[in-house]
Amino acid sequence: MKLGFGLPHGGNTVSPQTIVQIAQEAERLGFDSVWTYEHLLRPTRPIPGVLGGEPMVQSHLYGSCYDPLETLAYVAAKTERVKLGTGVVNALFHPPVVLGKRFATIDQLSGGRAIAGFGQGWMPDEFVTTGVPMKRRGAGFEEYIHALRAVWGSNPVKFDGRFYTIPEAEIGPKPFNPTGIPIILGAFVPAALQRAALIADGIMPGNMPWEVFEQIVYGFRGIAQQAGRDASKLQIIIRVVDIPGQQLPLTGSFESITEDLFRVQKLGVDQVIFDPGQLDTPIDEQLRFMEQLGTLIPQLG
């Protein structure tokens, strides 16, 4: 099992220097990947979060968030080995051809290190801002992935769908590797797991209570197998979300995190991404935590 680490690219204390510092340290310590996320804005009024519940003021990190792809392109030039993932980009906010070319460009510039983590968005204000209706989610998101794969496929590209149309044309660059860029979908509810099992290369749920997470893992693999896909080749990547006041797996003391890592490894999880920057953790504390996690990499590999 591999480990990844989130880049600190959200908040008012972000700097190019600290982004590169985390990326290069992750590479030095043997982490497999570094990750970014996307938020376009931070509403000034309380709104429900991604899982619903009572309205609350969203994280101040959303109010100043470096673009995920430009950040990864910058990091690509400062590193040599570490993979470059998005966890996640909200695909519906970008035309498939535009986002496809951006990802393929990073993949070419980095020598095939891109991982395309996609979500379909949840914040109403971002849909309003981009002029995309929230009802586009679901069927529209599924069609989006098919259109994106067409962009990355052989020329000439042509796509005719209900939501997206690409006139026959040459579109490039293509991804660095003939197999393309892995597409990982943020998914944890049944409909999203069904979609990902059919059209994606893996899923990226958060760290939920054990019983829920095990249902997600077994459910995803079962759907993929029923669809005739080789479930062993589909990735399961956990993105750790440390929510204050909640006792979730892969959080707490380092001893507890270590125990949980070996437990998820037994479930066949491919990678765990830690992102303490989501809590605005100071860079020096992030570096110390990375150093601790780095000692586990040989054992997990």
C-alpha atoms as a PDB file:
ATOM      1  CA  MET A   1       0.000   0.000   0.000  1.00  0.00           C
ATOM      2  CA  LYS A   2       1.243   3.463  -0.887  1.00  0.00           C
ATOM      3  CA  LEU A   3       1.037   6.786   0.920  1.00  0.00           C
ATOM      4  CA  GLY A   4       0.272  10.210  -0.530  1.00  0.00           C
ATOM      5  CA  PHE A   5       0.331  13.713   0.946  1.00  0.00           C
ATOM      6  CA  GLY A   6      -1.739  16.822   0.309  1.00  0.00           C
ATOM      7  CA  LEU A   7      -0.064  20.001  -0.849  1.00  0.00           C
ATOM      8  CA  PRO A   8      -0.759  23.111   1.292  1.00  0.00           C
ATOM      9  CA  HIS A   9      -2.357  25.272  -1.410  1.00  0.00           C
ATOM     10  CA  GLY A  10      -5.397  26.706   0.386  1.00  0.00           C
ATOM     11  CA  GLY A  11      -5.552  29.598   2.852  1.00  0.00           C
ATOM     12  CA  ASN A  12      -3.993  33.001   3.370  1.00  0.00           C
ATOM     13  CA  THR A  13      -0.577  31.645   4.420  1.00  0.00           C
ATOM     14  CA  VAL A  14       0.028  29.687   1.205  1.00  0.00           C
ATOM     15  CA  SER A  15       3.293  30.321  -0.592  1.00  0.00           C
ATOM     16  CA  PRO A  16       5.053  28.747  -3.580  1.00  0.00           C
ATOM     17  CA  GLN A  17       7.971  27.965  -1.269  1.00  0.00           C
ATOM     18  CA  THR A  18       5.943  25.876   1.197  1.00  0.00           C
ATOM     19  CA  ILE A  19       4.128  24.046  -1.605  1.00  0.00           C
ATOM     20  CA  VAL A  20       7.444  23.005  -3.124  1.00  0.00           C
ATOM     21  CA  GLN A  21       8.903  22.212   0.292  1.00  0.00           C
ATOM     22  CA  ILE A  22       6.138  19.691   1.027  1.00  0.00           C
ATOM     23  CA  ALA A  23       6.330  18.191  -2.479  1.00  0.00           C
ATOM     24  CA  GLN A  24      10.080  17.717  -2.411  1.00  0.00           C
ATOM     25  CA  GLU A  25      10.032  16.295   1.104  1.00  0.00           C
ATOM     26  CA  ALA A  26       7.321  13.834   0.064  1.00  0.00           C
ATOM     27  CA  GLU A  27       9.522  12.705  -2.798  1.00  0.00           C
ATOM     28  CA  ARG A  28      12.592  12.404  -0.582  1.00  0.00           C
ATOM     29  CA  LEU A  29      10.751  10.302   1.997  1.00  0.00           C
ATOM     30  CA  GLY A  30       9.343   7.895  -0.578  1.00  0.00           C
ATOM     31  CA  PHE A  31       5.707   9.021  -0.729  1.00  0.00           C
ATOM     32  CA  ASP A  32       4.018   7.897  -3.936  1.00  0.00           C
ATOM     33  CA  SER A  33       2.061  11.051  -4.692  1.00  0.00           C
ATOM     34  CA  VAL A  34       1.112  14.620  -3.806  1.00  0.00           C
ATOM     35  CA  TRP A  35      -2.407  16.015  -4.173  1.00  0.00           C
ATOM     36  CA  THR A  36      -4.399  19.178  -4.697  1.00  0.00           C
ATOM     37  CA  TYR A  37      -8.111  19.968  -4.467  1.00  0.00           C
ATOM     38  CA  GLU A  38     -10.398  22.551  -6.054  1.00  0.00           C
ATOM     39  CA  HIS A  39     -12.586  25.260  -4.546  1.00  0.00           C
ATOM     40  CA  LEU A  40     -13.593  28.315  -6.546  1.00  0.00           C
ATOM     41  CA  LEU A  41     -14.908  30.422  -3.679  1.00  0.00           C
ATOM     42  CA  ARG A  42     -16.019  30.570  -0.045  1.00  0.00           C
ATOM     43  CA  PRO A  43     -19.596  31.711   0.577  1.00  0.00           C
ATOM     44  CA  THR A  44     -19.819  34.413   3.238  1.00  0.00           C
ATOM     45  CA  ARG A  45     -23.058  32.942   4.610  1.00  0.00           C
ATOM     46  CA  PRO A  46     -23.479  29.574   6.366  1.00  0.00           C
ATOM     47  CA  ILE A  47     -24.361  26.701   4.006  1.00  0.00           C
ATOM     48  CA  PRO A  48     -24.718  22.912   4.450  1.00  0.00           C
ATOM     49  CA  GLY A  49     -21.528  20.940   3.876  1.00  0.00           C
ATOM     50  CA  VAL A  50     -20.885  18.141   1.385  1.00  0.00           C
ATOM     51  CA  LEU A  51     -22.680  15.636   3.625  1.00  0.00           C
ATOM     52  CA  GLY A  52     -25.550  18.020   4.434  1.00  0.00           C
ATOM     53  CA  GLY A  53     -26.450  18.779   8.021  1.00  0.00           C
ATOM     54  CA  GLU A  54     -26.922  22.131   9.688  1.00  0.00           C
ATOM     55  CA  PRO A  55     -25.623  25.150   7.716  1.00  0.00           C
ATOM     56  CA  MET A  56     -22.181  26.283   8.752  1.00  0.00           C
ATOM     57  CA  VAL A  57     -19.522  28.724   7.585  1.00  0.00           C
ATOM     58  CA  GLN A  58     -17.170  26.865   5.271  1.00  0.00           C
ATOM     59  CA  SER A  59     -13.430  26.618   5.823  1.00  0.00           C
ATOM     60  CA  HIS A  60     -11.470  29.835   5.321  1.00  0.00           C
ATOM     61  CA  LEU A  61      -9.102  27.792   3.140  1.00  0.00           C
ATOM     62  CA  TYR A  62     -11.718  27.864   0.370  1.00  0.00           C
ATOM     63  CA  GLY A  63     -11.490  31.648   0.150  1.00  0.00           C
ATOM     64  CA  SER A  64      -7.964  31.633  -1.264  1.00  0.00           C
ATOM     65  CA  CYS A  65      -7.182  28.364  -2.978  1.00  0.00           C
ATOM     66  CA  TYR A  66      -4.475  28.029  -5.619  1.00  0.00           C
ATOM     67  CA  ASP A  67      -5.706  26.374  -8.817  1.00  0.00           C
ATOM     68  CA  PRO A  68      -5.094  22.617  -8.534  1.00  0.00           C
ATOM     69  CA  LEU A  69      -3.655  22.045 -12.002  1.00  0.00           C
ATOM     70  CA  GLU A  70      -1.397  25.080 -12.133  1.00  0.00           C
ATOM     71  CA  THR A  71      -0.100  24.077  -8.698  1.00  0.00           C
ATOM     72  CA  LEU A  72       0.685  20.571  -9.924  1.00  0.00           C
ATOM     73  CA  ALA A  73       2.387  21.929 -13.047  1.00  0.00           C
ATOM     74  CA  TYR A  74       4.616  24.071 -10.829  1.00  0.00           C
ATOM     75  CA  VAL A  75       5.412  21.102  -8.608  1.00  0.00           C
ATOM     76  CA  ALA A  76       6.102  18.901 -11.643  1.00  0.00           C
ATOM     77  CA  ALA A  77       8.974  21.190 -12.571  1.00  0.00           C
ATOM     78  CA  LYS A  78      10.425  20.940  -9.048  1.00  0.00           C
ATOM     79  CA  THR A  79      10.221  17.136  -8.649  1.00  0.00           C
ATOM     80  CA  GLU A  80      11.230  14.050 -10.607  1.00  0.00           C
ATOM     81  CA  ARG A  81       9.328  10.985  -9.398  1.00  0.00           C
ATOM     82  CA  VAL A  82       6.325  11.745  -7.219  1.00  0.00           C
ATOM     83  CA  LYS A  83       2.914  11.378  -8.890  1.00  0.00           C
ATOM     84  CA  LEU A  84       0.633  14.417  -9.208  1.00  0.00           C
ATOM     85  CA  GLY A  85      -3.015  13.942  -8.296  1.00  0.00           C
ATOM     86  CA  THR A  86      -6.177  15.988  -7.876  1.00  0.00           C
ATOM     87  CA  GLY A  87      -8.450  15.055  -5.018  1.00  0.00           C
ATOM     88  CA  VAL A  88     -10.655  16.363  -6.515  1.00  0.00           C
ATOM     89  CA  VAL A  89     -11.294  18.703  -9.440  1.00  0.00           C
ATOM     90  CA  ASN A  90     -15.001  19.396  -9.912  1.00  0.00           C
ATOM     91  CA  ALA A  91     -15.232  18.336 -13.534  1.00  0.00           C
ATOM     92  CA  LEU A  92     -18.607  19.877 -14.378  1.00  0.00           C
ATOM     93  CA  PHE A  93     -17.203  23.384 -13.905  1.00  0.00           C
ATOM     94  CA  HIS A  94     -14.865  22.920 -16.919  1.00  0.00           C
ATOM     95  CA  PRO A  95     -15.579  21.961 -20.553  1.00  0.00           C
ATOM     96  CA  PRO A  96     -14.258  18.408 -21.220  1.00  0.00           C
ATOM     97  CA  VAL A  97     -11.898  19.527 -23.988  1.00  0.00           C
ATOM     98  CA  VAL A  98     -10.393  22.303 -21.859  1.00  0.00           C
ATOM     99  CA  LEU A  99      -9.861  20.121 -18.800  1.00  0.00           C
ATOM    100  CA  GLY A 100      -8.686  17.194 -20.911  1.00  0.00           C
ATOM    101  CA  LYS A 101      -5.999  19.307 -22.578  1.00  0.00           C
ATOM    102  CA  ARG A 102      -4.858  20.733 -19.229  1.00  0.00           C
ATOM    103  CA  PHE A 103      -4.462  17.302 -17.675  1.00  0.00           C
ATOM    104  CA  ALA A 104      -2.732  15.906 -20.756  1.00  0.00           C
ATOM    105  CA  THR A 105      -0.335  18.854 -20.764  1.00  0.00           C
ATOM    106  CA  ILE A 106       0.675  18.221 -17.149  1.00  0.00           C
ATOM    107  CA  ASP A 107       0.993  14.519 -17.903  1.00  0.00           C
ATOM    108  CA  GLN A 108       3.336  15.225 -20.826  1.00  0.00           C
ATOM    109  CA  LEU A 109       5.393  17.808 -18.932  1.00  0.00           C
ATOM    110  CA  SER A 110       5.812  15.464 -15.956  1.00  0.00           C
ATOM    111  CA  GLY A 111       6.569  12.302 -17.916  1.00  0.00           C
ATOM    112  CA  GLY A 112       3.276  10.556 -17.182  1.00  0.00           C
ATOM    113  CA  ARG A 113       2.813  11.376 -13.499  1.00  0.00           C
ATOM    114  CA  ALA A 114      -0.747  12.783 -13.550  1.00  0.00           C
ATOM    115  CA  ILE A 115      -3.695  11.210 -11.696  1.00  0.00           C
ATOM    116  CA  ALA A 116      -7.094  12.696 -12.516  1.00  0.00           C
ATOM    117  CA  GLY A 117      -9.295  12.693  -9.437  1.00  0.00           C
ATOM    118  CA  PHE A 118     -12.764  14.050 -10.269  1.00  0.00           C
ATOM    119  CA  GLY A 119     -15.875  15.000  -8.361  1.00  0.00           C
ATOM    120  CA  GLN A 120     -19.125  16.453  -9.613  1.00  0.00           C
ATOM    121  CA  GLY A 121     -19.325  19.338  -7.149  1.00  0.00           C
ATOM    122  CA  TRP A 122     -21.659  19.950  -4.206  1.00  0.00           C
ATOM    123  CA  MET A 123     -21.632  23.658  -3.375  1.00  0.00           C
ATOM    124  CA  PRO A 124     -24.595  25.526  -4.968  1.00  0.00           C
ATOM    125  CA  ASP A 125     -22.674  28.810  -5.091  1.00  0.00           C
ATOM    126  CA  GLU A 126     -20.000  27.273  -7.324  1.00  0.00           C
ATOM    127  CA  PHE A 127     -22.619  25.970  -9.750  1.00  0.00           C
ATOM    128  CA  VAL A 128     -24.215  29.417  -9.904  1.00  0.00           C
ATOM    129  CA  THR A 129     -20.825  31.034 -10.493  1.00  0.00           C
ATOM    130  CA  THR A 130     -19.891  28.699 -13.353  1.00  0.00           C
ATOM    131  CA  GLY A 131     -23.332  28.777 -14.966  1.00  0.00           C
ATOM    132  CA  VAL A 132     -23.763  25.013 -14.669  1.00  0.00           C
ATOM    133  CA  PRO A 133     -27.094  23.646 -13.360  1.00  0.00           C
ATOM    134  CA  MET A 134     -26.826  21.315 -10.361  1.00  0.00           C
ATOM    135  CA  LYS A 135     -29.160  18.895 -12.158  1.00  0.00           C
ATOM    136  CA  ARG A 136     -26.223  18.214 -14.507  1.00  0.00           C
ATOM    137  CA  ARG A 137     -24.855  15.948 -11.795  1.00  0.00           C
ATOM    138  CA  GLY A 138     -25.395  12.213 -12.146  1.00  0.00           C
ATOM    139  CA  ALA A 139     -26.091  11.474 -15.807  1.00  0.00           C
ATOM    140  CA  GLY A 140     -24.244  14.610 -16.918  1.00  0.00           C
ATOM    141  CA  PHE A 141     -21.173  13.692 -14.885  1.00  0.00           C
ATOM    142  CA  GLU A 142     -21.136  10.187 -16.325  1.00  0.00           C
ATOM    143  CA  GLU A 143     -21.334  11.545 -19.865  1.00  0.00           C
ATOM    144  CA  TYR A 144     -18.566  14.008 -19.007  1.00  0.00           C
ATOM    145  CA  ILE A 145     -16.163  11.146 -18.254  1.00  0.00           C
ATOM    146  CA  HIS A 146     -16.964   9.505 -21.578  1.00  0.00           C
ATOM    147  CA  ALA A 147     -16.345  12.817 -23.385  1.00  0.00           C
ATOM    148  CA  LEU A 148     -13.042  13.260 -21.556  1.00  0.00           C
ATOM    149  CA  ARG A 149     -11.880   9.783 -22.558  1.00  0.00           C
ATOM    150  CA  ALA A 150     -12.748  10.668 -26.152  1.00  0.00           C
ATOM    151  CA  VAL A 151     -10.529  13.779 -25.902  1.00  0.00           C
ATOM    152  CA  TRP A 152      -7.649  11.585 -24.700  1.00  0.00           C
ATOM    153  CA  GLY A 153      -8.312   8.969 -27.393  1.00  0.00           C
ATOM    154  CA  SER A 154      -7.050   8.793 -30.940  1.00  0.00           C
ATOM    155  CA  ASN A 155      -7.646  11.543 -33.479  1.00  0.00           C
ATOM    156  CA  PRO A 156      -9.931  12.574 -34.982  1.00  0.00           C
ATOM    157  CA  VAL A 157     -12.027  13.108 -31.853  1.00  0.00           C
ATOM    158  CA  LYS A 158     -15.806  13.261 -32.170  1.00  0.00           C
ATOM    159  CA  PHE A 159     -18.418  13.075 -29.410  1.00  0.00           C
ATOM    160  CA  ASP A 160     -22.190  13.481 -29.594  1.00  0.00           C
ATOM    161  CA  GLY A 161     -23.990  13.331 -26.281  1.00  0.00           C
ATOM    162  CA  ARG A 162     -26.983  14.735 -24.483  1.00  0.00           C
ATOM    163  CA  PHE A 163     -24.945  17.296 -22.551  1.00  0.00           C
ATOM    164  CA  TYR A 164     -21.651  17.550 -24.447  1.00  0.00           C
ATOM    165  CA  THR A 165     -20.791  17.740 -28.138  1.00  0.00           C
ATOM    166  CA  ILE A 166     -17.326  17.757 -29.689  1.00  0.00           C
ATOM    167  CA  PRO A 167     -17.252  18.286 -33.461  1.00  0.00           C
ATOM    168  CA  GLU A 168     -14.863  16.005 -35.312  1.00  0.00           C
ATOM    169  CA  ALA A 169     -11.388  17.475 -34.842  1.00  0.00           C
ATOM    170  CA  GLU A 170      -7.785  16.829 -33.946  1.00  0.00           C
ATOM    171  CA  ILE A 171      -7.212  17.490 -30.237  1.00  0.00           C
ATOM    172  CA  GLY A 172      -3.918  17.276 -28.417  1.00  0.00           C
ATOM    173  CA  PRO A 173      -1.726  16.787 -26.603  1.00  0.00           C
ATOM    174  CA  LYS A 174      -2.645  13.255 -25.628  1.00  0.00           C
ATOM    175  CA  PRO A 175      -1.600  11.695 -22.303  1.00  0.00           C
ATOM    176  CA  PHE A 176       2.030  10.600 -21.959  1.00  0.00           C
ATOM    177  CA  ASN A 177       1.226   6.887 -21.690  1.00  0.00           C
ATOM    178  CA  PRO A 178      -0.894   4.945 -24.213  1.00  0.00           C
ATOM    179  CA  THR A 179      -3.051   3.683 -21.326  1.00  0.00           C
ATOM    180  CA  GLY A 180      -4.049   7.281 -20.579  1.00  0.00           C
ATOM    181  CA  ILE A 181      -4.372   9.103 -17.263  1.00  0.00           C
ATOM    182  CA  PRO A 182      -5.998   7.175 -14.387  1.00  0.00           C
ATOM    183  CA  ILE A 183      -9.468   8.534 -13.582  1.00  0.00           C
ATOM    184  CA  ILE A 184     -10.382   8.284  -9.909  1.00  0.00           C
ATOM    185  CA  LEU A 185     -13.849   9.395  -8.824  1.00  0.00           C
ATOM    186  CA  GLY A 186     -14.777  10.774  -5.432  1.00  0.00           C
ATOM    187  CA  ALA A 187     -17.516   8.335  -4.405  1.00  0.00           C
ATOM    188  CA  PHE A 188     -19.180   6.927  -1.305  1.00  0.00           C
ATOM    189  CA  VAL A 189     -22.967   6.849  -1.902  1.00  0.00           C
ATOM    190  CA  PRO A 190     -24.439   3.872  -3.827  1.00  0.00           C
ATOM    191  CA  ALA A 191     -25.163   5.715  -7.097  1.00  0.00           C
ATOM    192  CA  ALA A 192     -21.641   7.168  -7.220  1.00  0.00           C
ATOM    193  CA  LEU A 193     -20.064   3.773  -6.463  1.00  0.00           C
ATOM    194  CA  GLN A 194     -22.138   2.195  -9.242  1.00  0.00           C
ATOM    195  CA  ARG A 195     -20.993   4.885 -11.681  1.00  0.00           C
ATOM    196  CA  ALA A 196     -17.337   4.605 -10.711  1.00  0.00           C
ATOM    197  CA  ALA A 197     -17.338   0.813 -10.896  1.00  0.00           C
ATOM    198  CA  LEU A 198     -18.541   1.027 -14.491  1.00  0.00           C
ATOM    199  CA  ILE A 199     -16.549   3.910 -15.972  1.00  0.00           C
ATOM    200  CA  ALA A 200     -13.599   4.865 -13.726  1.00  0.00           C
ATOM    201  CA  ASP A 201     -10.221   3.440 -12.758  1.00  0.00           C
ATOM    202  CA  GLY A 202     -10.917   3.703  -9.052  1.00  0.00           C
ATOM    203  CA  ILE A 203     -12.619   5.554  -6.215  1.00  0.00           C
ATOM    204  CA  MET A 204     -11.544   8.069  -3.580  1.00  0.00           C
ATOM    205  CA  PRO A 205     -13.774   7.952  -0.509  1.00  0.00           C
ATOM    206  CA  GLY A 206     -12.970   9.728   2.716  1.00  0.00           C
ATOM    207  CA  ASN A 207     -12.111   7.990   5.970  1.00  0.00           C
ATOM    208  CA  MET A 208     -15.494   7.013   7.335  1.00  0.00           C
ATOM    209  CA  PRO A 209     -16.449   4.752  10.257  1.00  0.00           C
ATOM    210  CA  TRP A 210     -15.075   1.261   9.734  1.00  0.00           C
ATOM    211  CA  GLU A 211     -18.389  -0.432   9.011  1.00  0.00           C
ATOM    212  CA  VAL A 212     -19.274   2.169   6.377  1.00  0.00           C
ATOM    213  CA  PHE A 213     -15.868   2.055   4.744  1.00  0.00           C
ATOM    214  CA  GLU A 214     -15.874  -1.748   4.531  1.00  0.00           C
ATOM    215  CA  GLN A 215     -19.286  -1.625   2.860  1.00  0.00           C
ATOM    216  CA  ILE A 216     -17.893   0.852   0.322  1.00  0.00           C
ATOM    217  CA  VAL A 217     -14.864  -1.314  -0.476  1.00  0.00           C
ATOM    218  CA  TYR A 218     -16.772  -4.572  -0.853  1.00  0.00           C
ATOM    219  CA  GLY A 219     -19.689  -2.925  -2.614  1.00  0.00           C
ATOM    220  CA  PHE A 220     -17.476  -1.196  -5.177  1.00  0.00           C
ATOM    221  CA  ARG A 221     -15.572  -4.361  -5.992  1.00  0.00           C
ATOM    222  CA  GLY A 222     -18.734  -6.414  -6.190  1.00  0.00           C
ATOM    223  CA  ILE A 223     -20.361  -4.022  -8.668  1.00  0.00           C
ATOM    224  CA  ALA A 224     -17.218  -3.981 -10.819  1.00  0.00           C
ATOM    225  CA  GLN A 225     -17.044  -7.775 -10.906  1.00  0.00           C
ATOM    226  CA  GLN A 226     -20.724  -8.078 -11.815  1.00  0.00           C
ATOM    227  CA  ALA A 227     -20.069  -5.662 -14.691  1.00  0.00           C
ATOM    228  CA  GLY A 228     -17.310  -7.929 -15.998  1.00  0.00           C
ATOM    229  CA  ARG A 229     -14.418  -5.694 -14.918  1.00  0.00           C
ATOM    230  CA  ASP A 230     -11.285  -6.893 -13.139  1.00  0.00           C
ATOM    231  CA  ALA A 231     -11.862  -5.355  -9.707  1.00  0.00           C
ATOM    232  CA  SER A 232      -8.266  -6.063  -8.666  1.00  0.00           C
ATOM    233  CA  LYS A 233      -7.075  -3.486 -11.223  1.00  0.00           C
ATOM    234  CA  LEU A 234      -9.326  -0.711  -9.904  1.00  0.00           C
ATOM    235  CA  GLN A 235      -7.767   1.547  -7.289  1.00  0.00           C
ATOM    236  CA  ILE A 236      -9.185   2.387  -3.883  1.00  0.00           C
ATOM    237  CA  ILE A 237      -7.581   5.550  -2.500  1.00  0.00           C
ATOM    238  CA  ILE A 238      -8.593   6.909   0.907  1.00  0.00           C
ATOM    239  CA  ARG A 239      -8.362  10.649   1.401  1.00  0.00           C
ATOM    240  CA  VAL A 240      -8.065  11.254   5.128  1.00  0.00           C
ATOM    241  CA  VAL A 241     -10.316  14.000   6.452  1.00  0.00           C
ATOM    242  CA  ASP A 242      -9.615  14.851  10.083  1.00  0.00           C
ATOM    243  CA  ILE A 243     -12.813  16.379  11.486  1.00  0.00           C
ATOM    244  CA  PRO A 244     -12.347  17.972  14.924  1.00  0.00           C
ATOM    245  CA  GLY A 245     -14.482  16.305  17.579  1.00  0.00           C
ATOM    246  CA  GLN A 246     -14.948  13.063  15.627  1.00  0.00           C
ATOM    247  CA  GLN A 247     -13.112   9.787  16.166  1.00  0.00           C
ATOM    248  CA  LEU A 248     -12.527   8.636  12.606  1.00  0.00           C
ATOM    249  CA  PRO A 249     -10.135   5.949  11.326  1.00  0.00           C
ATOM    250  CA  LEU A 250      -6.621   7.086  10.404  1.00  0.00           C
ATOM    251  CA  THR A 251      -6.748  10.052  12.784  1.00  0.00           C
ATOM    252  CA  GLY A 252      -5.637  10.652  16.345  1.00  0.00           C
ATOM    253  CA  SER A 253      -2.282   9.584  17.768  1.00  0.00           C
ATOM    254  CA  PHE A 254       0.453   8.312  15.495  1.00  0.00           C
ATOM    255  CA  GLU A 255       0.157   4.903  17.156  1.00  0.00           C
ATOM    256  CA  SER A 256      -3.551   4.799  16.313  1.00  0.00           C
ATOM    257  CA  ILE A 257      -2.890   5.934  12.737  1.00  0.00           C
ATOM    258  CA  THR A 258      -0.258   3.210  12.334  1.00  0.00           C
ATOM    259  CA  GLU A 259      -2.641   0.520  13.537  1.00  0.00           C
ATOM    260  CA  ASP A 260      -5.364   1.761  11.202  1.00  0.00           C
ATOM    261  CA  LEU A 261      -3.017   1.835   8.210  1.00  0.00           C
ATOM    262  CA  PHE A 262      -2.260  -1.845   8.564  1.00  0.00           C
ATOM    263  CA  ARG A 263      -5.968  -2.544   8.936  1.00  0.00           C
ATOM    264  CA  VAL A 264      -6.882  -0.784   5.685  1.00  0.00           C
ATOM    265  CA  GLN A 265      -3.940  -2.481   3.983  1.00  0.00           C
ATOM    266  CA  LYS A 266      -5.553  -5.830   4.776  1.00  0.00           C
ATOM    267  CA  LEU A 267      -8.698  -4.618   3.018  1.00  0.00           C
ATOM    268  CA  GLY A 268      -6.675  -4.189  -0.168  1.00  0.00           C
ATOM    269  CA  VAL A 269      -6.628  -0.401  -0.192  1.00  0.00           C
ATOM    270  CA  ASP A 270      -4.107   0.886  -2.737  1.00  0.00           C
ATOM    271  CA  GLN A 271      -3.217   4.245  -1.218  1.00  0.00           C
ATOM    272  CA  VAL A 272      -3.938   6.528   1.725  1.00  0.00           C
ATOM    273  CA  ILE A 273      -3.586  10.300   1.325  1.00  0.00           C
ATOM    274  CA  PHE A 274      -2.946  12.442   4.386  1.00  0.00           C
ATOM    275  CA  ASP A 275      -3.726  16.149   4.134  1.00  0.00           C
ATOM    276  CA  PRO A 276      -3.149  17.979   7.435  1.00  0.00           C
ATOM    277  CA  GLY A 277      -3.114  21.252   5.515  1.00  0.00           C
ATOM    278  CA  GLN A 278      -6.926  20.958   5.396  1.00  0.00           C
ATOM    279  CA  LEU A 279      -6.825  21.861   9.090  1.00  0.00           C
ATOM    280  CA  ASP A 280      -4.394  24.714   8.428  1.00  0.00           C
ATOM    281  CA  THR A 281      -1.681  22.782  10.279  1.00  0.00           C
ATOM    282  CA  PRO A 282       1.599  24.764  10.399  1.00  0.00           C
ATOM    283  CA  ILE A 283       4.164  23.646   7.848  1.00  0.00           C
ATOM    284  CA  ASP A 284       6.709  22.570  10.460  1.00  0.00           C
ATOM    285  CA  GLU A 285       4.114  20.257  12.026  1.00  0.00           C
ATOM    286  CA  GLN A 286       3.225  18.859   8.608  1.00  0.00           C
ATOM    287  CA  LEU A 287       6.886  18.123   7.952  1.00  0.00           C
ATOM    288  CA  ARG A 288       7.250  16.317  11.288  1.00  0.00           C
ATOM    289  CA  PHE A 289       4.156  14.248  10.556  1.00  0.00           C
ATOM    290  CA  MET A 290       5.517  13.392   7.096  1.00  0.00           C
ATOM    291  CA  GLU A 291       8.765  12.235   8.678  1.00  0.00           C
ATOM    292  CA  GLN A 292       6.825   9.915  10.995  1.00  0.00           C
ATOM    293  CA  LEU A 293       4.737   8.511   8.160  1.00  0.00           C
ATOM    294  CA  GLY A 294       7.856   8.025   6.090  1.00  0.00           C
ATOM    295  CA  THR A 295       9.135   5.448   8.583  1.00  0.00           C
ATOM    296  CA  LEU A 296       6.104   3.270   7.750  1.00  0.00           C
ATOM    297  CA  ILE A 297       6.520   3.306   3.962  1.00  0.00           C
ATOM    298  CA  PRO A 298       8.926   0.310   3.803  1.00  0.00           C
ATOM    299  CA  GLN A 299       6.578  -1.753   5.996  1.00  0.00           C
ATOM    300  CA  LEU A 300       3.471  -0.880   3.981  1.00  0.00           C
ATOM    301  CA  GLY A 301       5.136  -1.459   0.625  1.00  0.00           C
END
